[in-house]
Amino acid sequence: MIINIRVAVKEDCTRLLELINELAVYEKAPEEVTVTIEEFIDAGFGEKPVWKAYVAEEENVILGFALFYTRYSTWKGCRLYLEDFLVTEEARGKGIGKLLFETVITEAKNGNYNGMTWQVLDWNEPAINFYNKYKAQIETGWLNASFSKAQTHNS
């Protein structure tokens, strides 16, 4: 098995969105994925790209990805924010997640970042166990808050 880790390109977007939907199903929220392929492509490869991703592929098939962007913390400064990180279910246990995660860590080290942050669901024990191997600081006490596009238009 030869796994290639590379920067995602525009042509990967359809597969990335498939994997994002797989992640949403795993996280018990498939109806929450409302981004269109056009919006997704524009956000990554349009005039003002806001995200970057690494993909892990074997024989030109993308088996996983890590999508991230710059987040600014008024307390910590620029931080790499890992938005989504997934290895497809049938490819887990082969070290692909380790390769992807360590590539993102390297990006955080080599970029203009004061650290790296991400979220993990409190019931996702496999993910928590994975992050614990890296001695990640997993916080409690903060609750997520958000508005939908419709809510921002009605406020």
C-alpha atoms as a PDB file:
ATOM      1  CA  MET A   1       0.000   0.000   0.000  1.00  0.00           C
ATOM      2  CA  ILE A   2       1.474   3.322  -1.105  1.00  0.00           C
ATOM      3  CA  ILE A   3      -0.411   6.335   0.250  1.00  0.00           C
ATOM      4  CA  ASN A   4       0.188   9.681  -1.403  1.00  0.00           C
ATOM      5  CA  ILE A   5      -0.528  12.825   0.627  1.00  0.00           C
ATOM      6  CA  ARG A   6      -0.948  15.935  -1.495  1.00  0.00           C
ATOM      7  CA  VAL A   7      -2.635  19.328  -1.554  1.00  0.00           C
ATOM      8  CA  ALA A   8      -6.210  19.106  -2.797  1.00  0.00           C
ATOM      9  CA  VAL A   9      -6.992  20.530  -6.232  1.00  0.00           C
ATOM     10  CA  LYS A  10     -10.258  21.763  -7.712  1.00  0.00           C
ATOM     11  CA  GLU A  11     -10.873  18.431  -9.429  1.00  0.00           C
ATOM     12  CA  ASP A  12     -10.983  16.737  -5.998  1.00  0.00           C
ATOM     13  CA  CYS A  13     -14.015  18.706  -4.822  1.00  0.00           C
ATOM     14  CA  THR A  14     -16.683  16.202  -5.879  1.00  0.00           C
ATOM     15  CA  ARG A  15     -14.901  13.414  -3.972  1.00  0.00           C
ATOM     16  CA  LEU A  16     -14.272  15.694  -0.988  1.00  0.00           C
ATOM     17  CA  LEU A  17     -17.957  16.523  -0.787  1.00  0.00           C
ATOM     18  CA  GLU A  18     -18.763  12.779  -0.900  1.00  0.00           C
ATOM     19  CA  LEU A  19     -16.430  12.268   2.076  1.00  0.00           C
ATOM     20  CA  ILE A  20     -17.914  15.270   3.885  1.00  0.00           C
ATOM     21  CA  ASN A  21     -21.321  13.639   3.503  1.00  0.00           C
ATOM     22  CA  GLU A  22     -19.879  10.362   4.823  1.00  0.00           C
ATOM     23  CA  LEU A  23     -18.570  12.264   7.853  1.00  0.00           C
ATOM     24  CA  ALA A  24     -21.964  13.900   8.393  1.00  0.00           C
ATOM     25  CA  VAL A  25     -23.656  10.484   8.372  1.00  0.00           C
ATOM     26  CA  TYR A  26     -21.107   9.201  10.908  1.00  0.00           C
ATOM     27  CA  GLU A  27     -21.762  12.256  13.077  1.00  0.00           C
ATOM     28  CA  LYS A  28     -25.524  11.607  12.846  1.00  0.00           C
ATOM     29  CA  ALA A  29     -26.265  14.852  11.016  1.00  0.00           C
ATOM     30  CA  PRO A  30     -26.471  14.167   7.258  1.00  0.00           C
ATOM     31  CA  GLU A  31     -29.168  16.819   6.790  1.00  0.00           C
ATOM     32  CA  GLU A  32     -26.750  19.496   8.030  1.00  0.00           C
ATOM     33  CA  VAL A  33     -24.634  19.402   4.849  1.00  0.00           C
ATOM     34  CA  THR A  34     -26.250  22.154   2.802  1.00  0.00           C
ATOM     35  CA  VAL A  35     -23.281  23.545   0.839  1.00  0.00           C
ATOM     36  CA  THR A  36     -23.568  23.121  -2.916  1.00  0.00           C
ATOM     37  CA  ILE A  37     -20.703  21.818  -5.012  1.00  0.00           C
ATOM     38  CA  GLU A  38     -20.477  25.263  -6.646  1.00  0.00           C
ATOM     39  CA  GLU A  39     -20.175  27.017  -3.264  1.00  0.00           C
ATOM     40  CA  PHE A  40     -17.629  24.458  -2.105  1.00  0.00           C
ATOM     41  CA  ILE A  41     -15.462  24.861  -5.210  1.00  0.00           C
ATOM     42  CA  ASP A  42     -15.671  28.659  -5.057  1.00  0.00           C
ATOM     43  CA  ALA A  43     -14.699  28.704  -1.361  1.00  0.00           C
ATOM     44  CA  GLY A  44     -11.627  26.597  -2.068  1.00  0.00           C
ATOM     45  CA  PHE A  45     -10.585  27.691  -5.539  1.00  0.00           C
ATOM     46  CA  GLY A  46     -12.468  30.888  -6.403  1.00  0.00           C
ATOM     47  CA  GLU A  47     -11.219  34.478  -6.339  1.00  0.00           C
ATOM     48  CA  LYS A  48     -10.936  34.509  -2.540  1.00  0.00           C
ATOM     49  CA  PRO A  49     -10.237  30.947  -1.361  1.00  0.00           C
ATOM     50  CA  VAL A  50     -10.891  30.422   2.336  1.00  0.00           C
ATOM     51  CA  TRP A  51      -9.911  26.775   2.796  1.00  0.00           C
ATOM     52  CA  LYS A  52      -7.093  24.445   1.902  1.00  0.00           C
ATOM     53  CA  ALA A  53      -7.011  20.670   2.190  1.00  0.00           C
ATOM     54  CA  TYR A  54      -4.703  17.710   2.019  1.00  0.00           C
ATOM     55  CA  VAL A  55      -5.911  14.456   0.548  1.00  0.00           C
ATOM     56  CA  ALA A  56      -4.659  10.930   1.068  1.00  0.00           C
ATOM     57  CA  GLU A  57      -4.920   8.738  -1.975  1.00  0.00           C
ATOM     58  CA  GLU A  58      -4.041   5.214  -2.965  1.00  0.00           C
ATOM     59  CA  GLU A  59      -3.924   4.391  -6.674  1.00  0.00           C
ATOM     60  CA  ASN A  60      -5.560   7.759  -7.469  1.00  0.00           C
ATOM     61  CA  VAL A  61      -8.535   7.089  -5.148  1.00  0.00           C
ATOM     62  CA  ILE A  62      -8.982   9.634  -2.350  1.00  0.00           C
ATOM     63  CA  LEU A  63      -9.399   7.727   0.931  1.00  0.00           C
ATOM     64  CA  GLY A  64      -9.230  10.650   3.333  1.00  0.00           C
ATOM     65  CA  PHE A  65      -8.793  14.375   3.701  1.00  0.00           C
ATOM     66  CA  ALA A  66      -8.024  17.137   6.158  1.00  0.00           C
ATOM     67  CA  LEU A  67      -9.599  20.531   5.402  1.00  0.00           C
ATOM     68  CA  PHE A  68      -8.425  23.619   7.281  1.00  0.00           C
ATOM     69  CA  TYR A  69      -8.214  27.387   7.276  1.00  0.00           C
ATOM     70  CA  THR A  70      -6.774  30.265   9.273  1.00  0.00           C
ATOM     71  CA  ARG A  71      -8.704  31.214  12.381  1.00  0.00           C
ATOM     72  CA  TYR A  72      -7.857  34.340  14.311  1.00  0.00           C
ATOM     73  CA  SER A  73      -8.067  34.201  18.088  1.00  0.00           C
ATOM     74  CA  THR A  74      -7.963  37.490  19.956  1.00  0.00           C
ATOM     75  CA  TRP A  75      -6.271  35.573  22.765  1.00  0.00           C
ATOM     76  CA  LYS A  76      -3.826  33.446  20.760  1.00  0.00           C
ATOM     77  CA  GLY A  77      -3.401  35.093  17.318  1.00  0.00           C
ATOM     78  CA  CYS A  78      -3.445  33.133  14.056  1.00  0.00           C
ATOM     79  CA  ARG A  79      -4.320  29.471  14.526  1.00  0.00           C
ATOM     80  CA  LEU A  80      -4.743  26.728  12.001  1.00  0.00           C
ATOM     81  CA  TYR A  81      -8.311  25.472  12.335  1.00  0.00           C
ATOM     82  CA  LEU A  82      -8.859  21.877  11.259  1.00  0.00           C
ATOM     83  CA  GLU A  83     -12.467  21.939  10.083  1.00  0.00           C
ATOM     84  CA  ASP A  84     -12.866  18.365   8.895  1.00  0.00           C
ATOM     85  CA  PHE A  85     -10.635  15.317   9.083  1.00  0.00           C
ATOM     86  CA  LEU A  86     -11.772  11.950   7.780  1.00  0.00           C
ATOM     87  CA  VAL A  87     -10.446   8.646   6.569  1.00  0.00           C
ATOM     88  CA  THR A  88     -13.156   6.650   4.859  1.00  0.00           C
ATOM     89  CA  GLU A  89     -14.391   3.755   6.975  1.00  0.00           C
ATOM     90  CA  GLU A  90     -13.003   0.960   4.823  1.00  0.00           C
ATOM     91  CA  ALA A  91      -9.513   2.512   4.846  1.00  0.00           C
ATOM     92  CA  ARG A  92      -9.196   3.051   8.611  1.00  0.00           C
ATOM     93  CA  GLY A  93      -6.501   1.296  10.602  1.00  0.00           C
ATOM     94  CA  LYS A  94      -3.825   1.628   7.892  1.00  0.00           C
ATOM     95  CA  GLY A  95      -2.056   4.705   9.281  1.00  0.00           C
ATOM     96  CA  ILE A  96      -3.651   7.092   6.785  1.00  0.00           C
ATOM     97  CA  GLY A  97      -5.097   9.308   9.529  1.00  0.00           C
ATOM     98  CA  LYS A  98      -1.671   9.575  11.144  1.00  0.00           C
ATOM     99  CA  LEU A  99      -0.105  10.651   7.831  1.00  0.00           C
ATOM    100  CA  LEU A 100      -2.802  13.264   7.196  1.00  0.00           C
ATOM    101  CA  PHE A 101      -2.850  14.619  10.744  1.00  0.00           C
ATOM    102  CA  GLU A 102       0.924  14.917  10.896  1.00  0.00           C
ATOM    103  CA  THR A 103       0.917  16.719   7.535  1.00  0.00           C
ATOM    104  CA  VAL A 104      -1.495  19.279   8.989  1.00  0.00           C
ATOM    105  CA  ILE A 105       0.655  19.591  12.129  1.00  0.00           C
ATOM    106  CA  THR A 106       3.630  20.328   9.858  1.00  0.00           C
ATOM    107  CA  GLU A 107       1.549  22.955   8.052  1.00  0.00           C
ATOM    108  CA  ALA A 108       0.797  24.583  11.420  1.00  0.00           C
ATOM    109  CA  LYS A 109       4.486  24.495  12.399  1.00  0.00           C
ATOM    110  CA  ASN A 110       5.755  25.882   9.100  1.00  0.00           C
ATOM    111  CA  GLY A 111       2.996  28.438   8.579  1.00  0.00           C
ATOM    112  CA  ASN A 112       2.358  31.675  10.403  1.00  0.00           C
ATOM    113  CA  TYR A 113       0.356  29.953  13.153  1.00  0.00           C
ATOM    114  CA  ASN A 114       0.503  30.116  16.941  1.00  0.00           C
ATOM    115  CA  GLY A 115      -1.124  26.702  17.210  1.00  0.00           C
ATOM    116  CA  MET A 116      -3.817  24.454  15.863  1.00  0.00           C
ATOM    117  CA  THR A 117      -7.418  23.893  16.979  1.00  0.00           C
ATOM    118  CA  TRP A 118     -10.294  21.600  16.046  1.00  0.00           C
ATOM    119  CA  GLN A 119     -13.441  20.087  17.483  1.00  0.00           C
ATOM    120  CA  VAL A 120     -14.311  16.516  18.347  1.00  0.00           C
ATOM    121  CA  LEU A 121     -17.688  15.209  19.431  1.00  0.00           C
ATOM    122  CA  ASP A 122     -17.698  14.074  23.053  1.00  0.00           C
ATOM    123  CA  TRP A 123     -19.071  10.640  22.080  1.00  0.00           C
ATOM    124  CA  ASN A 124     -16.499   9.989  19.336  1.00  0.00           C
ATOM    125  CA  GLU A 125     -14.193   7.763  21.365  1.00  0.00           C
ATOM    126  CA  PRO A 126     -12.069   6.543  18.421  1.00  0.00           C
ATOM    127  CA  ALA A 127     -11.273  10.155  17.482  1.00  0.00           C
ATOM    128  CA  ILE A 128     -10.629  11.182  21.086  1.00  0.00           C
ATOM    129  CA  ASN A 129      -8.295   8.207  21.537  1.00  0.00           C
ATOM    130  CA  PHE A 130      -6.479   9.182  18.319  1.00  0.00           C
ATOM    131  CA  TYR A 131      -5.994  12.794  19.498  1.00  0.00           C
ATOM    132  CA  ASN A 132      -4.898  11.633  22.947  1.00  0.00           C
ATOM    133  CA  LYS A 133      -1.955   9.851  21.298  1.00  0.00           C
ATOM    134  CA  TYR A 134      -0.749  13.330  20.345  1.00  0.00           C
ATOM    135  CA  LYS A 135      -1.372  14.645  23.860  1.00  0.00           C
ATOM    136  CA  ALA A 136      -3.984  17.063  22.498  1.00  0.00           C
ATOM    137  CA  GLN A 137      -5.679  19.334  24.992  1.00  0.00           C
ATOM    138  CA  ILE A 138      -9.378  18.487  24.750  1.00  0.00           C
ATOM    139  CA  GLU A 139     -11.423  21.209  26.383  1.00  0.00           C
ATOM    140  CA  THR A 140     -14.778  21.126  28.107  1.00  0.00           C
ATOM    141  CA  GLY A 141     -17.089  23.961  29.004  1.00  0.00           C
ATOM    142  CA  TRP A 142     -17.512  25.676  25.640  1.00  0.00           C
ATOM    143  CA  LEU A 143     -20.751  25.254  23.719  1.00  0.00           C
ATOM    144  CA  ASN A 144     -21.001  25.806  19.975  1.00  0.00           C
ATOM    145  CA  ALA A 145     -23.326  28.525  18.743  1.00  0.00           C
ATOM    146  CA  SER A 146     -24.282  29.322  15.166  1.00  0.00           C
ATOM    147  CA  PHE A 147     -26.786  30.930  12.825  1.00  0.00           C
ATOM    148  CA  SER A 148     -27.986  29.487   9.540  1.00  0.00           C
ATOM    149  CA  LYS A 149     -27.965  31.620   6.387  1.00  0.00           C
ATOM    150  CA  ALA A 150     -31.735  32.100   6.751  1.00  0.00           C
ATOM    151  CA  GLN A 151     -31.314  33.301  10.330  1.00  0.00           C
ATOM    152  CA  THR A 152     -28.705  35.898   9.347  1.00  0.00           C
ATOM    153  CA  HIS A 153     -31.124  37.273   6.750  1.00  0.00           C
ATOM    154  CA  ASN A 154     -33.966  37.457   9.274  1.00  0.00           C
ATOM    155  CA  SER A 155     -32.011  39.111  12.087  1.00  0.00           C
END
